[in-house]
Amino acid sequence: MLGRFAGFIVAAIAGMIASGPAEAWRWRHQIDATPFFHSPCSVLRGRPCTPSFCSALSHGPCIPEIEYPYGENLQLTVETVPPDADKTKYVRPDHDLDSIADLFAELRSCWSPPPVDAAQPGMQMTVRFSFRRNGGIIAAPRLTFATAGTSAEIRDTYLQAINASLDACVPLKFTGGLGAALAGRPIAIRYVDNREPQRQSGKP
């Protein structure tokens, strides 16, 4: 009887070990449509925080941008040369902005990079600011990130281009609902100058 019970325990443990990797892969790479309803992250938690960051070592899909619910920090990446698949996202809306997608499209269409002779290939810069209800900016955008190793002159050049691009677009035309929802909410925009060096230097 004791031997039979011991055999059952060994078989159960073997089954758990065999199914462990598959089960781990399932919850590690499952996309949750409502990630913001989870409990806060903890160092004692067995599963990763949601939403997770992209990684070159990850086997699952990478979701670099999420349209965060109102009240969360909004994050946007603006590329100087958008991929063909994303060009429609850089078209300025022809109506008052009524959604986060409209806001992002407007901000993308506003970007005017520095002239090629004053630019640096691959330069990245992130600024953070908030909007007023009427579509104006509450305070000057605050620099939070710049590509390491760049000179103060290059940083100033890009920061001036960012400020000029935003100044040319504000105040944005929000609908009443979007303006009320976004007022005072922080937004971080990462600008990426992905123009090819050959084109910037005039080489064929």
N, C-alpha and C. Protein backbone atom coordinates (compact mmCIF):
# COMPACT_ATOMS: atom_id res chain seq x y z
N MET A 1 0.83 -1.20 0.00
CA MET A 1 0.00 0.00 0.00
C MET A 1 0.87 1.25 0.00
N LEU A 2 1.91 1.23 0.87
CA LEU A 2 2.80 2.37 0.95
C LEU A 2 3.55 2.57 -0.36
N GLY A 3 3.96 1.44 -0.99
CA GLY A 3 4.66 1.54 -2.26
C GLY A 3 3.77 2.11 -3.35
N ARG A 4 2.48 1.69 -3.33
CA ARG A 4 1.56 2.21 -4.34
C ARG A 4 1.35 3.72 -4.17
N PHE A 5 1.25 4.19 -2.91
CA PHE A 5 1.08 5.62 -2.65
C PHE A 5 2.30 6.42 -3.08
N ALA A 6 3.49 5.86 -2.80
CA ALA A 6 4.72 6.53 -3.19
C ALA A 6 4.81 6.64 -4.71
N GLY A 7 4.37 5.59 -5.42
CA GLY A 7 4.38 5.63 -6.88
C GLY A 7 3.46 6.70 -7.42
N PHE A 8 2.29 6.84 -6.78
CA PHE A 8 1.35 7.88 -7.20
C PHE A 8 1.94 9.27 -7.02
N ILE A 9 2.64 9.51 -5.91
CA ILE A 9 3.26 10.81 -5.65
C ILE A 9 4.33 11.11 -6.69
N VAL A 10 5.16 10.11 -7.01
CA VAL A 10 6.23 10.29 -8.01
C VAL A 10 5.64 10.62 -9.37
N ALA A 11 4.54 9.93 -9.74
CA ALA A 11 3.90 10.18 -11.03
C ALA A 11 3.32 11.58 -11.09
N ALA A 12 2.73 12.03 -9.97
CA ALA A 12 2.14 13.37 -9.94
C ALA A 12 3.20 14.44 -10.08
N ILE A 13 4.35 14.26 -9.40
CA ILE A 13 5.44 15.24 -9.49
C ILE A 13 6.00 15.28 -10.89
N ALA A 14 6.15 14.12 -11.50
CA ALA A 14 6.68 14.07 -12.88
C ALA A 14 5.75 14.81 -13.84
N GLY A 15 4.44 14.65 -13.64
CA GLY A 15 3.48 15.35 -14.50
C GLY A 15 3.56 16.84 -14.33
N MET A 16 3.75 17.32 -13.09
CA MET A 16 3.86 18.75 -12.85
C MET A 16 5.10 19.31 -13.50
N ILE A 17 6.22 18.57 -13.44
CA ILE A 17 7.46 19.04 -14.06
C ILE A 17 7.33 19.10 -15.56
N ALA A 18 6.66 18.09 -16.13
CA ALA A 18 6.51 18.05 -17.60
C ALA A 18 5.63 19.17 -18.10
N SER A 19 4.59 19.50 -17.33
CA SER A 19 3.67 20.55 -17.78
C SER A 19 4.11 21.94 -17.36
N GLY A 20 5.12 22.01 -16.49
CA GLY A 20 5.57 23.31 -15.98
C GLY A 20 6.01 24.27 -17.06
N PRO A 21 6.94 23.88 -17.95
CA PRO A 21 7.39 24.82 -18.99
C PRO A 21 6.27 25.31 -19.87
N ALA A 22 5.37 24.41 -20.26
CA ALA A 22 4.25 24.84 -21.12
C ALA A 22 3.35 25.81 -20.40
N GLU A 23 3.07 25.52 -19.11
CA GLU A 23 2.21 26.41 -18.33
C GLU A 23 2.87 27.77 -18.13
N ALA A 24 4.20 27.73 -17.86
CA ALA A 24 4.94 28.98 -17.68
C ALA A 24 4.91 29.80 -18.96
N TRP A 25 5.10 29.16 -20.10
CA TRP A 25 5.06 29.89 -21.37
C TRP A 25 3.69 30.50 -21.59
N ARG A 26 2.63 29.77 -21.20
CA ARG A 26 1.28 30.26 -21.44
C ARG A 26 1.03 31.56 -20.69
N TRP A 27 1.35 31.59 -19.37
CA TRP A 27 1.03 32.81 -18.65
C TRP A 27 2.04 33.91 -18.90
N ARG A 28 3.26 33.53 -19.29
CA ARG A 28 4.27 34.56 -19.52
C ARG A 28 4.00 35.34 -20.79
N HIS A 29 3.40 34.69 -21.79
CA HIS A 29 3.23 35.32 -23.09
C HIS A 29 1.77 35.59 -23.45
N GLN A 30 0.88 35.35 -22.53
CA GLN A 30 -0.52 35.63 -22.79
C GLN A 30 -0.75 37.14 -22.73
N ILE A 31 -1.47 37.69 -23.71
CA ILE A 31 -1.77 39.11 -23.73
C ILE A 31 -3.09 39.34 -23.02
N ASP A 32 -3.03 40.14 -21.97
CA ASP A 32 -4.23 40.45 -21.20
C ASP A 32 -4.83 41.74 -21.74
N ALA A 33 -6.09 41.69 -22.14
CA ALA A 33 -6.73 42.87 -22.73
C ALA A 33 -7.01 43.96 -21.71
N THR A 34 -6.98 43.63 -20.43
CA THR A 34 -7.25 44.63 -19.39
C THR A 34 -6.13 44.61 -18.37
N PRO A 35 -4.90 44.99 -18.77
CA PRO A 35 -3.76 44.87 -17.86
C PRO A 35 -3.83 45.81 -16.67
N PHE A 36 -4.64 46.87 -16.73
CA PHE A 36 -4.62 47.85 -15.68
C PHE A 36 -5.53 47.50 -14.51
N PHE A 37 -6.18 46.35 -14.57
CA PHE A 37 -7.04 45.93 -13.48
C PHE A 37 -6.33 44.94 -12.56
N HIS A 38 -5.04 44.70 -12.81
CA HIS A 38 -4.29 43.77 -11.98
C HIS A 38 -3.83 44.46 -10.71
N SER A 39 -3.44 43.66 -9.75
CA SER A 39 -2.92 44.20 -8.51
C SER A 39 -1.54 44.78 -8.76
N PRO A 40 -1.06 45.68 -7.87
CA PRO A 40 0.26 46.29 -8.07
C PRO A 40 1.36 45.24 -8.12
N CYS A 41 2.46 45.57 -8.79
CA CYS A 41 3.59 44.64 -8.90
C CYS A 41 4.30 44.51 -7.55
N SER A 42 4.96 43.40 -7.34
CA SER A 42 5.68 43.15 -6.10
C SER A 42 6.89 42.28 -6.39
N VAL A 43 7.99 42.50 -5.63
CA VAL A 43 9.18 41.67 -5.80
C VAL A 43 8.91 40.24 -5.37
N LEU A 44 7.84 40.02 -4.60
CA LEU A 44 7.50 38.69 -4.14
C LEU A 44 6.52 37.98 -5.07
N ARG A 45 6.13 38.68 -6.13
CA ARG A 45 5.14 38.11 -7.04
C ARG A 45 5.81 37.13 -7.99
N GLY A 46 5.17 36.03 -8.27
CA GLY A 46 5.76 35.00 -9.13
C GLY A 46 5.67 35.30 -10.61
N ARG A 47 4.76 36.22 -10.99
CA ARG A 47 4.58 36.53 -12.40
C ARG A 47 5.05 37.95 -12.72
N PRO A 48 5.32 38.23 -13.99
CA PRO A 48 5.84 39.56 -14.35
C PRO A 48 4.78 40.64 -14.21
N CYS A 49 5.25 41.88 -14.08
CA CYS A 49 4.34 43.01 -14.00
C CYS A 49 3.66 43.23 -15.34
N THR A 50 2.49 43.86 -15.32
CA THR A 50 1.74 44.13 -16.53
C THR A 50 1.42 45.62 -16.58
N PRO A 51 1.67 46.32 -17.70
CA PRO A 51 2.27 45.80 -18.93
C PRO A 51 3.78 45.63 -18.78
N SER A 52 4.36 44.71 -19.53
CA SER A 52 5.79 44.44 -19.43
C SER A 52 6.55 45.25 -20.47
N PHE A 53 7.87 45.33 -20.28
CA PHE A 53 8.72 46.01 -21.23
C PHE A 53 9.18 45.05 -22.31
N CYS A 54 9.43 45.60 -23.49
CA CYS A 54 9.91 44.77 -24.59
C CYS A 54 11.36 44.36 -24.34
N SER A 55 11.74 43.20 -24.85
CA SER A 55 13.11 42.71 -24.68
C SER A 55 13.51 41.88 -25.88
N ALA A 56 14.78 41.98 -26.26
CA ALA A 56 15.28 41.18 -27.37
C ALA A 56 15.29 39.70 -27.02
N LEU A 57 15.23 39.38 -25.73
CA LEU A 57 15.26 37.99 -25.28
C LEU A 57 13.85 37.42 -25.12
N SER A 58 12.84 38.23 -25.31
CA SER A 58 11.47 37.76 -25.13
C SER A 58 11.00 36.97 -26.33
N HIS A 59 10.30 35.86 -26.08
CA HIS A 59 9.77 35.02 -27.15
C HIS A 59 8.35 35.43 -27.54
N GLY A 60 7.76 36.29 -26.75
CA GLY A 60 6.38 36.68 -27.03
C GLY A 60 6.31 37.97 -27.82
N PRO A 61 5.11 38.42 -28.14
CA PRO A 61 4.95 39.65 -28.92
C PRO A 61 5.34 40.87 -28.11
N CYS A 62 5.81 41.92 -28.79
CA CYS A 62 6.22 43.16 -28.15
C CYS A 62 5.19 44.23 -28.46
N ILE A 63 4.69 44.90 -27.42
CA ILE A 63 3.70 45.96 -27.61
C ILE A 63 4.33 47.26 -27.12
N PRO A 64 5.01 48.02 -28.00
CA PRO A 64 5.76 49.19 -27.56
C PRO A 64 4.91 50.37 -27.13
N GLU A 65 3.70 50.48 -27.64
CA GLU A 65 2.85 51.61 -27.30
C GLU A 65 1.48 51.11 -26.86
N ILE A 66 1.01 51.68 -25.77
CA ILE A 66 -0.32 51.34 -25.27
C ILE A 66 -1.07 52.64 -25.07
N GLU A 67 -2.28 52.71 -25.54
CA GLU A 67 -3.10 53.89 -25.32
C GLU A 67 -3.65 53.82 -23.91
N TYR A 68 -2.92 54.42 -22.98
CA TYR A 68 -3.24 54.31 -21.57
C TYR A 68 -4.59 54.95 -21.25
N PRO A 69 -5.28 54.43 -20.28
CA PRO A 69 -6.54 55.05 -19.86
C PRO A 69 -6.28 56.46 -19.33
N TYR A 70 -7.29 57.32 -19.38
CA TYR A 70 -7.14 58.67 -18.85
C TYR A 70 -6.70 58.58 -17.39
N GLY A 71 -5.76 59.42 -17.04
CA GLY A 71 -5.25 59.42 -15.68
C GLY A 71 -3.91 58.73 -15.58
N GLU A 72 -3.56 57.88 -16.56
CA GLU A 72 -2.27 57.24 -16.57
C GLU A 72 -1.30 58.10 -17.37
N ASN A 73 0.00 57.82 -17.22
CA ASN A 73 1.01 58.54 -17.97
C ASN A 73 0.94 58.15 -19.44
N LEU A 74 0.75 59.12 -20.32
CA LEU A 74 0.68 58.85 -21.75
C LEU A 74 2.09 58.86 -22.34
N GLN A 75 2.40 57.88 -23.18
CA GLN A 75 3.72 57.76 -23.77
C GLN A 75 3.59 57.62 -25.28
N LEU A 76 4.41 58.37 -26.00
CA LEU A 76 4.32 58.41 -27.45
C LEU A 76 5.71 58.48 -28.04
N THR A 77 5.94 57.73 -29.13
CA THR A 77 7.19 57.81 -29.89
C THR A 77 6.91 58.44 -31.23
N VAL A 78 7.73 59.43 -31.59
CA VAL A 78 7.59 60.13 -32.86
C VAL A 78 8.88 59.93 -33.65
N GLU A 79 8.77 59.27 -34.79
CA GLU A 79 9.93 59.04 -35.65
C GLU A 79 9.96 60.08 -36.77
N THR A 80 11.16 60.55 -37.10
CA THR A 80 11.28 61.54 -38.17
C THR A 80 10.87 60.93 -39.51
N VAL A 81 11.24 59.67 -39.73
CA VAL A 81 10.83 58.95 -40.95
C VAL A 81 9.99 57.76 -40.50
N PRO A 82 8.68 57.89 -40.51
CA PRO A 82 7.83 56.79 -40.01
C PRO A 82 7.85 55.60 -40.95
N PRO A 83 7.69 54.40 -40.44
CA PRO A 83 7.57 53.21 -41.29
C PRO A 83 6.35 53.34 -42.20
N ASP A 84 6.41 52.70 -43.35
CA ASP A 84 5.29 52.77 -44.30
C ASP A 84 3.99 52.34 -43.66
N ALA A 85 4.06 51.32 -42.79
CA ALA A 85 2.83 50.80 -42.16
C ALA A 85 2.22 51.80 -41.18
N ASP A 86 3.01 52.80 -40.72
CA ASP A 86 2.52 53.74 -39.71
C ASP A 86 2.27 55.14 -40.26
N LYS A 87 2.42 55.33 -41.56
CA LYS A 87 2.30 56.69 -42.11
C LYS A 87 0.93 57.30 -41.87
N THR A 88 -0.10 56.48 -41.83
CA THR A 88 -1.44 57.03 -41.58
C THR A 88 -1.56 57.60 -40.17
N LYS A 89 -0.71 57.12 -39.25
CA LYS A 89 -0.74 57.62 -37.89
C LYS A 89 -0.10 59.00 -37.77
N TYR A 90 0.53 59.46 -38.84
CA TYR A 90 1.20 60.77 -38.85
C TYR A 90 0.40 61.81 -39.62
N VAL A 91 -0.83 61.48 -39.95
CA VAL A 91 -1.70 62.40 -40.68
C VAL A 91 -2.52 63.21 -39.67
N ARG A 92 -2.47 64.53 -39.80
CA ARG A 92 -3.19 65.39 -38.87
C ARG A 92 -4.70 65.22 -39.02
N PRO A 93 -5.43 65.00 -37.94
CA PRO A 93 -6.89 64.87 -38.02
C PRO A 93 -7.53 66.15 -38.56
N ASP A 94 -8.60 65.99 -39.31
CA ASP A 94 -9.31 67.14 -39.88
C ASP A 94 -10.52 67.53 -39.04
N HIS A 95 -10.46 67.19 -37.75
CA HIS A 95 -11.58 67.50 -36.85
C HIS A 95 -11.02 67.74 -35.47
N ASP A 96 -11.83 68.23 -34.56
CA ASP A 96 -11.40 68.42 -33.18
C ASP A 96 -10.97 67.09 -32.58
N LEU A 97 -9.93 67.13 -31.77
CA LEU A 97 -9.37 65.90 -31.21
C LEU A 97 -10.31 65.34 -30.16
N ASP A 98 -10.70 64.07 -30.36
CA ASP A 98 -11.71 63.48 -29.49
C ASP A 98 -11.25 62.17 -28.86
N SER A 99 -10.00 61.75 -29.14
CA SER A 99 -9.50 60.48 -28.61
C SER A 99 -7.98 60.56 -28.47
N ILE A 100 -7.42 59.56 -27.77
CA ILE A 100 -5.97 59.50 -27.62
C ILE A 100 -5.31 59.29 -28.99
N ALA A 101 -5.94 58.50 -29.86
CA ALA A 101 -5.39 58.28 -31.20
C ALA A 101 -5.33 59.60 -31.97
N ASP A 102 -6.36 60.44 -31.83
CA ASP A 102 -6.34 61.76 -32.47
C ASP A 102 -5.20 62.61 -31.92
N LEU A 103 -5.04 62.59 -30.61
CA LEU A 103 -3.97 63.37 -29.97
C LEU A 103 -2.61 62.93 -30.48
N PHE A 104 -2.38 61.62 -30.51
CA PHE A 104 -1.09 61.11 -30.96
C PHE A 104 -0.82 61.49 -32.42
N ALA A 105 -1.84 61.38 -33.28
CA ALA A 105 -1.67 61.73 -34.69
C ALA A 105 -1.32 63.21 -34.83
N GLU A 106 -1.98 64.05 -34.06
CA GLU A 106 -1.71 65.48 -34.11
C GLU A 106 -0.27 65.78 -33.69
N LEU A 107 0.17 65.18 -32.61
CA LEU A 107 1.53 65.42 -32.11
C LEU A 107 2.58 64.88 -33.08
N ARG A 108 2.30 63.74 -33.70
CA ARG A 108 3.24 63.21 -34.69
C ARG A 108 3.35 64.17 -35.89
N SER A 109 2.21 64.67 -36.35
CA SER A 109 2.22 65.53 -37.52
C SER A 109 2.89 66.87 -37.24
N CYS A 110 3.00 67.25 -35.98
CA CYS A 110 3.61 68.54 -35.62
C CYS A 110 5.13 68.52 -35.69
N TRP A 111 5.73 67.36 -35.64
CA TRP A 111 7.18 67.27 -35.49
C TRP A 111 7.91 67.80 -36.72
N SER A 112 8.81 68.75 -36.48
CA SER A 112 9.68 69.30 -37.52
C SER A 112 11.11 69.19 -37.02
N PRO A 113 11.90 68.23 -37.52
CA PRO A 113 13.25 67.99 -36.99
C PRO A 113 14.22 69.10 -37.38
N PRO A 114 15.39 69.13 -36.75
CA PRO A 114 16.40 70.12 -37.12
C PRO A 114 16.87 69.91 -38.56
N PRO A 115 17.42 70.95 -39.20
CA PRO A 115 17.97 70.77 -40.54
C PRO A 115 19.03 69.67 -40.54
N VAL A 116 19.18 69.01 -41.68
CA VAL A 116 20.09 67.87 -41.75
C VAL A 116 21.53 68.24 -41.42
N ASP A 117 21.93 69.47 -41.73
CA ASP A 117 23.31 69.86 -41.47
C ASP A 117 23.58 70.14 -40.00
N ALA A 118 22.50 70.22 -39.19
CA ALA A 118 22.66 70.44 -37.75
C ALA A 118 22.20 69.25 -36.93
N ALA A 119 21.81 68.17 -37.63
CA ALA A 119 21.24 67.01 -36.94
C ALA A 119 22.30 65.96 -36.65
N GLN A 120 21.90 65.00 -35.83
CA GLN A 120 22.77 63.87 -35.52
C GLN A 120 22.00 62.59 -35.77
N PRO A 121 22.49 61.72 -36.66
CA PRO A 121 21.78 60.47 -36.96
C PRO A 121 21.56 59.63 -35.70
N GLY A 122 20.35 59.12 -35.56
CA GLY A 122 20.03 58.26 -34.43
C GLY A 122 19.74 58.99 -33.13
N MET A 123 19.72 60.30 -33.16
CA MET A 123 19.48 61.07 -31.94
C MET A 123 18.08 60.79 -31.39
N GLN A 124 18.00 60.63 -30.07
CA GLN A 124 16.73 60.44 -29.38
C GLN A 124 16.63 61.42 -28.23
N MET A 125 15.44 61.96 -28.04
CA MET A 125 15.22 62.89 -26.94
C MET A 125 13.78 62.74 -26.46
N THR A 126 13.60 62.76 -25.15
CA THR A 126 12.27 62.63 -24.56
C THR A 126 11.97 63.85 -23.71
N VAL A 127 10.77 64.38 -23.88
CA VAL A 127 10.31 65.50 -23.06
C VAL A 127 8.98 65.12 -22.40
N ARG A 128 8.68 65.79 -21.32
CA ARG A 128 7.47 65.49 -20.55
C ARG A 128 6.76 66.79 -20.21
N PHE A 129 5.45 66.82 -20.39
CA PHE A 129 4.68 68.02 -20.09
C PHE A 129 3.21 67.64 -19.93
N SER A 130 2.37 68.65 -19.70
CA SER A 130 0.94 68.42 -19.56
C SER A 130 0.18 69.50 -20.32
N PHE A 131 -1.06 69.14 -20.71
CA PHE A 131 -1.91 70.07 -21.42
C PHE A 131 -2.92 70.71 -20.48
N ARG A 132 -3.33 71.92 -20.85
CA ARG A 132 -4.49 72.55 -20.21
C ARG A 132 -5.76 72.04 -20.89
N ARG A 133 -6.86 72.34 -20.27
CA ARG A 133 -8.15 71.93 -20.83
C ARG A 133 -8.39 72.56 -22.20
N ASN A 134 -7.85 73.77 -22.42
CA ASN A 134 -8.07 74.47 -23.69
C ASN A 134 -7.08 74.07 -24.78
N GLY A 135 -6.22 73.09 -24.51
CA GLY A 135 -5.27 72.62 -25.51
C GLY A 135 -3.91 73.27 -25.45
N GLY A 136 -3.71 74.21 -24.54
CA GLY A 136 -2.39 74.81 -24.37
C GLY A 136 -1.52 73.95 -23.46
N ILE A 137 -0.23 74.28 -23.41
CA ILE A 137 0.71 73.54 -22.56
C ILE A 137 0.87 74.28 -21.24
N ILE A 138 0.80 73.55 -20.14
CA ILE A 138 0.85 74.16 -18.82
C ILE A 138 2.20 74.83 -18.55
N ALA A 139 3.30 74.18 -18.87
CA ALA A 139 4.62 74.73 -18.65
C ALA A 139 5.54 74.23 -19.75
N ALA A 140 6.73 74.80 -19.83
CA ALA A 140 7.69 74.39 -20.86
C ALA A 140 7.99 72.90 -20.71
N PRO A 141 8.05 72.16 -21.83
CA PRO A 141 8.39 70.73 -21.75
C PRO A 141 9.71 70.50 -21.02
N ARG A 142 9.73 69.49 -20.18
CA ARG A 142 10.93 69.19 -19.39
C ARG A 142 11.69 68.03 -20.03
N LEU A 143 12.97 68.24 -20.27
CA LEU A 143 13.81 67.20 -20.86
C LEU A 143 14.05 66.09 -19.84
N THR A 144 13.73 64.85 -20.22
CA THR A 144 13.94 63.72 -19.32
C THR A 144 14.95 62.71 -19.86
N PHE A 145 15.25 62.77 -21.16
CA PHE A 145 16.22 61.82 -21.72
C PHE A 145 16.82 62.40 -23.00
N ALA A 146 18.13 62.16 -23.19
CA ALA A 146 18.80 62.49 -24.45
C ALA A 146 19.85 61.41 -24.70
N THR A 147 20.10 61.10 -25.94
CA THR A 147 21.08 60.08 -26.29
C THR A 147 22.41 60.36 -25.61
N ALA A 148 22.97 59.35 -24.98
CA ALA A 148 24.23 59.50 -24.25
C ALA A 148 25.36 59.89 -25.20
N GLY A 149 26.24 60.76 -24.70
CA GLY A 149 27.43 61.12 -25.47
C GLY A 149 27.23 62.28 -26.42
N THR A 150 26.02 62.80 -26.53
CA THR A 150 25.78 63.93 -27.43
C THR A 150 26.26 65.23 -26.77
N SER A 151 26.69 66.15 -27.59
CA SER A 151 27.19 67.42 -27.09
C SER A 151 26.04 68.31 -26.62
N ALA A 152 26.39 69.31 -25.81
CA ALA A 152 25.38 70.24 -25.34
C ALA A 152 24.76 70.99 -26.52
N GLU A 153 25.55 71.25 -27.55
CA GLU A 153 25.03 71.96 -28.72
C GLU A 153 23.96 71.14 -29.44
N ILE A 154 24.20 69.84 -29.59
CA ILE A 154 23.22 68.97 -30.25
C ILE A 154 21.96 68.88 -29.41
N ARG A 155 22.10 68.73 -28.11
CA ARG A 155 20.93 68.65 -27.24
C ARG A 155 20.10 69.92 -27.33
N ASP A 156 20.78 71.06 -27.33
CA ASP A 156 20.06 72.33 -27.44
C ASP A 156 19.36 72.45 -28.79
N THR A 157 20.01 71.97 -29.85
CA THR A 157 19.41 72.03 -31.19
C THR A 157 18.11 71.25 -31.24
N TYR A 158 18.13 70.04 -30.69
CA TYR A 158 16.93 69.20 -30.73
C TYR A 158 15.86 69.72 -29.78
N LEU A 159 16.25 70.22 -28.63
CA LEU A 159 15.26 70.75 -27.70
C LEU A 159 14.57 71.98 -28.30
N GLN A 160 15.32 72.81 -28.99
CA GLN A 160 14.73 73.97 -29.65
C GLN A 160 13.76 73.54 -30.75
N ALA A 161 14.13 72.47 -31.48
CA ALA A 161 13.24 71.97 -32.54
C ALA A 161 11.96 71.41 -31.95
N ILE A 162 12.06 70.72 -30.81
CA ILE A 162 10.87 70.18 -30.15
C ILE A 162 9.97 71.30 -29.67
N ASN A 163 10.55 72.29 -29.01
CA ASN A 163 9.76 73.40 -28.51
C ASN A 163 9.09 74.17 -29.65
N ALA A 164 9.84 74.38 -30.74
CA ALA A 164 9.28 75.10 -31.89
C ALA A 164 8.14 74.31 -32.53
N SER A 165 8.30 73.00 -32.61
CA SER A 165 7.26 72.16 -33.21
C SER A 165 5.98 72.20 -32.38
N LEU A 166 6.11 72.12 -31.07
CA LEU A 166 4.94 72.17 -30.21
C LEU A 166 4.30 73.55 -30.21
N ASP A 167 5.13 74.60 -30.18
CA ASP A 167 4.60 75.96 -30.18
C ASP A 167 3.79 76.24 -31.45
N ALA A 168 4.21 75.63 -32.56
CA ALA A 168 3.52 75.86 -33.83
C ALA A 168 2.15 75.18 -33.86
N CYS A 169 1.94 74.21 -32.99
CA CYS A 169 0.69 73.43 -33.01
C CYS A 169 -0.31 73.82 -31.93
N VAL A 170 0.18 74.28 -30.80
CA VAL A 170 -0.73 74.61 -29.70
C VAL A 170 -1.33 75.99 -29.89
N PRO A 171 -2.52 76.22 -29.35
CA PRO A 171 -3.31 75.25 -28.59
C PRO A 171 -3.98 74.22 -29.51
N LEU A 172 -3.97 72.97 -29.05
CA LEU A 172 -4.66 71.92 -29.79
C LEU A 172 -6.17 72.08 -29.60
N LYS A 173 -6.93 71.62 -30.56
CA LYS A 173 -8.38 71.75 -30.50
C LYS A 173 -9.00 70.46 -29.95
N PHE A 174 -9.16 70.43 -28.63
CA PHE A 174 -9.77 69.28 -27.97
C PHE A 174 -11.29 69.44 -27.97
N THR A 175 -11.98 68.32 -28.01
CA THR A 175 -13.40 68.36 -27.68
C THR A 175 -13.51 68.58 -26.17
N GLY A 176 -14.69 68.96 -25.71
CA GLY A 176 -14.85 69.21 -24.28
C GLY A 176 -14.51 68.02 -23.43
N GLY A 177 -14.92 66.83 -23.88
CA GLY A 177 -14.65 65.62 -23.09
C GLY A 177 -13.18 65.29 -23.01
N LEU A 178 -12.47 65.35 -24.14
CA LEU A 178 -11.05 65.01 -24.14
C LEU A 178 -10.25 66.06 -23.37
N GLY A 179 -10.60 67.34 -23.53
CA GLY A 179 -9.88 68.38 -22.80
C GLY A 179 -10.01 68.22 -21.30
N ALA A 180 -11.19 67.88 -20.84
CA ALA A 180 -11.41 67.69 -19.41
C ALA A 180 -10.66 66.47 -18.90
N ALA A 181 -10.59 65.42 -19.71
CA ALA A 181 -9.94 64.19 -19.29
C ALA A 181 -8.42 64.30 -19.28
N LEU A 182 -7.86 65.11 -20.20
CA LEU A 182 -6.41 65.20 -20.32
C LEU A 182 -5.80 66.31 -19.48
N ALA A 183 -6.57 67.25 -19.05
CA ALA A 183 -6.03 68.42 -18.35
C ALA A 183 -5.16 68.00 -17.16
N GLY A 184 -3.91 68.41 -17.21
CA GLY A 184 -2.98 68.12 -16.12
C GLY A 184 -2.35 66.75 -16.15
N ARG A 185 -2.79 65.89 -17.08
CA ARG A 185 -2.21 64.54 -17.14
C ARG A 185 -0.86 64.58 -17.83
N PRO A 186 0.17 63.94 -17.27
CA PRO A 186 1.50 63.98 -17.90
C PRO A 186 1.55 63.18 -19.19
N ILE A 187 2.29 63.69 -20.16
CA ILE A 187 2.53 62.99 -21.41
C ILE A 187 4.02 63.05 -21.71
N ALA A 188 4.60 61.92 -22.07
CA ALA A 188 6.02 61.83 -22.42
C ALA A 188 6.14 61.49 -23.89
N ILE A 189 6.88 62.31 -24.63
CA ILE A 189 7.07 62.09 -26.07
C ILE A 189 8.54 61.82 -26.34
N ARG A 190 8.81 60.70 -26.98
CA ARG A 190 10.18 60.36 -27.37
C ARG A 190 10.34 60.63 -28.87
N TYR A 191 11.22 61.56 -29.19
CA TYR A 191 11.50 61.91 -30.58
C TYR A 191 12.73 61.13 -31.05
N VAL A 192 12.61 60.50 -32.21
CA VAL A 192 13.69 59.68 -32.76
C VAL A 192 14.04 60.20 -34.15
N ASP A 193 15.28 60.64 -34.32
CA ASP A 193 15.73 61.09 -35.64
C ASP A 193 16.36 59.90 -36.35
N ASN A 194 15.54 59.18 -37.09
CA ASN A 194 16.00 57.96 -37.76
C ASN A 194 16.31 58.19 -39.24
N ARG A 195 16.61 59.43 -39.61
CA ARG A 195 17.04 59.69 -40.98
C ARG A 195 18.38 59.02 -41.24
N GLU A 196 18.57 58.53 -42.42
CA GLU A 196 19.79 57.80 -42.75
C GLU A 196 20.97 58.75 -42.85
N PRO A 197 22.13 58.37 -42.30
CA PRO A 197 23.32 59.24 -42.34
C PRO A 197 23.72 59.62 -43.76
N GLN A 198 23.57 58.71 -44.73
CA GLN A 198 23.95 59.00 -46.10
C GLN A 198 23.15 60.17 -46.65
N ARG A 199 21.86 60.21 -46.32
CA ARG A 199 21.03 61.29 -46.80
C ARG A 199 21.37 62.61 -46.11
N GLN A 200 21.72 62.50 -44.81
CA GLN A 200 22.06 63.71 -44.10
C GLN A 200 23.35 64.32 -44.60
N SER A 201 24.33 63.49 -45.00
CA SER A 201 25.61 63.99 -45.43
C SER A 201 25.67 64.28 -46.92
N GLY A 202 24.59 63.94 -47.63
CA GLY A 202 24.55 64.20 -49.06
C GLY A 202 25.19 63.13 -49.89
N LYS A 203 25.56 62.00 -49.28
CA LYS A 203 26.17 60.91 -50.01
C LYS A 203 25.10 60.12 -50.75
N PRO A 204 25.45 59.52 -51.91
CA PRO A 204 24.46 58.73 -52.64
C PRO A 204 24.09 57.47 -51.89
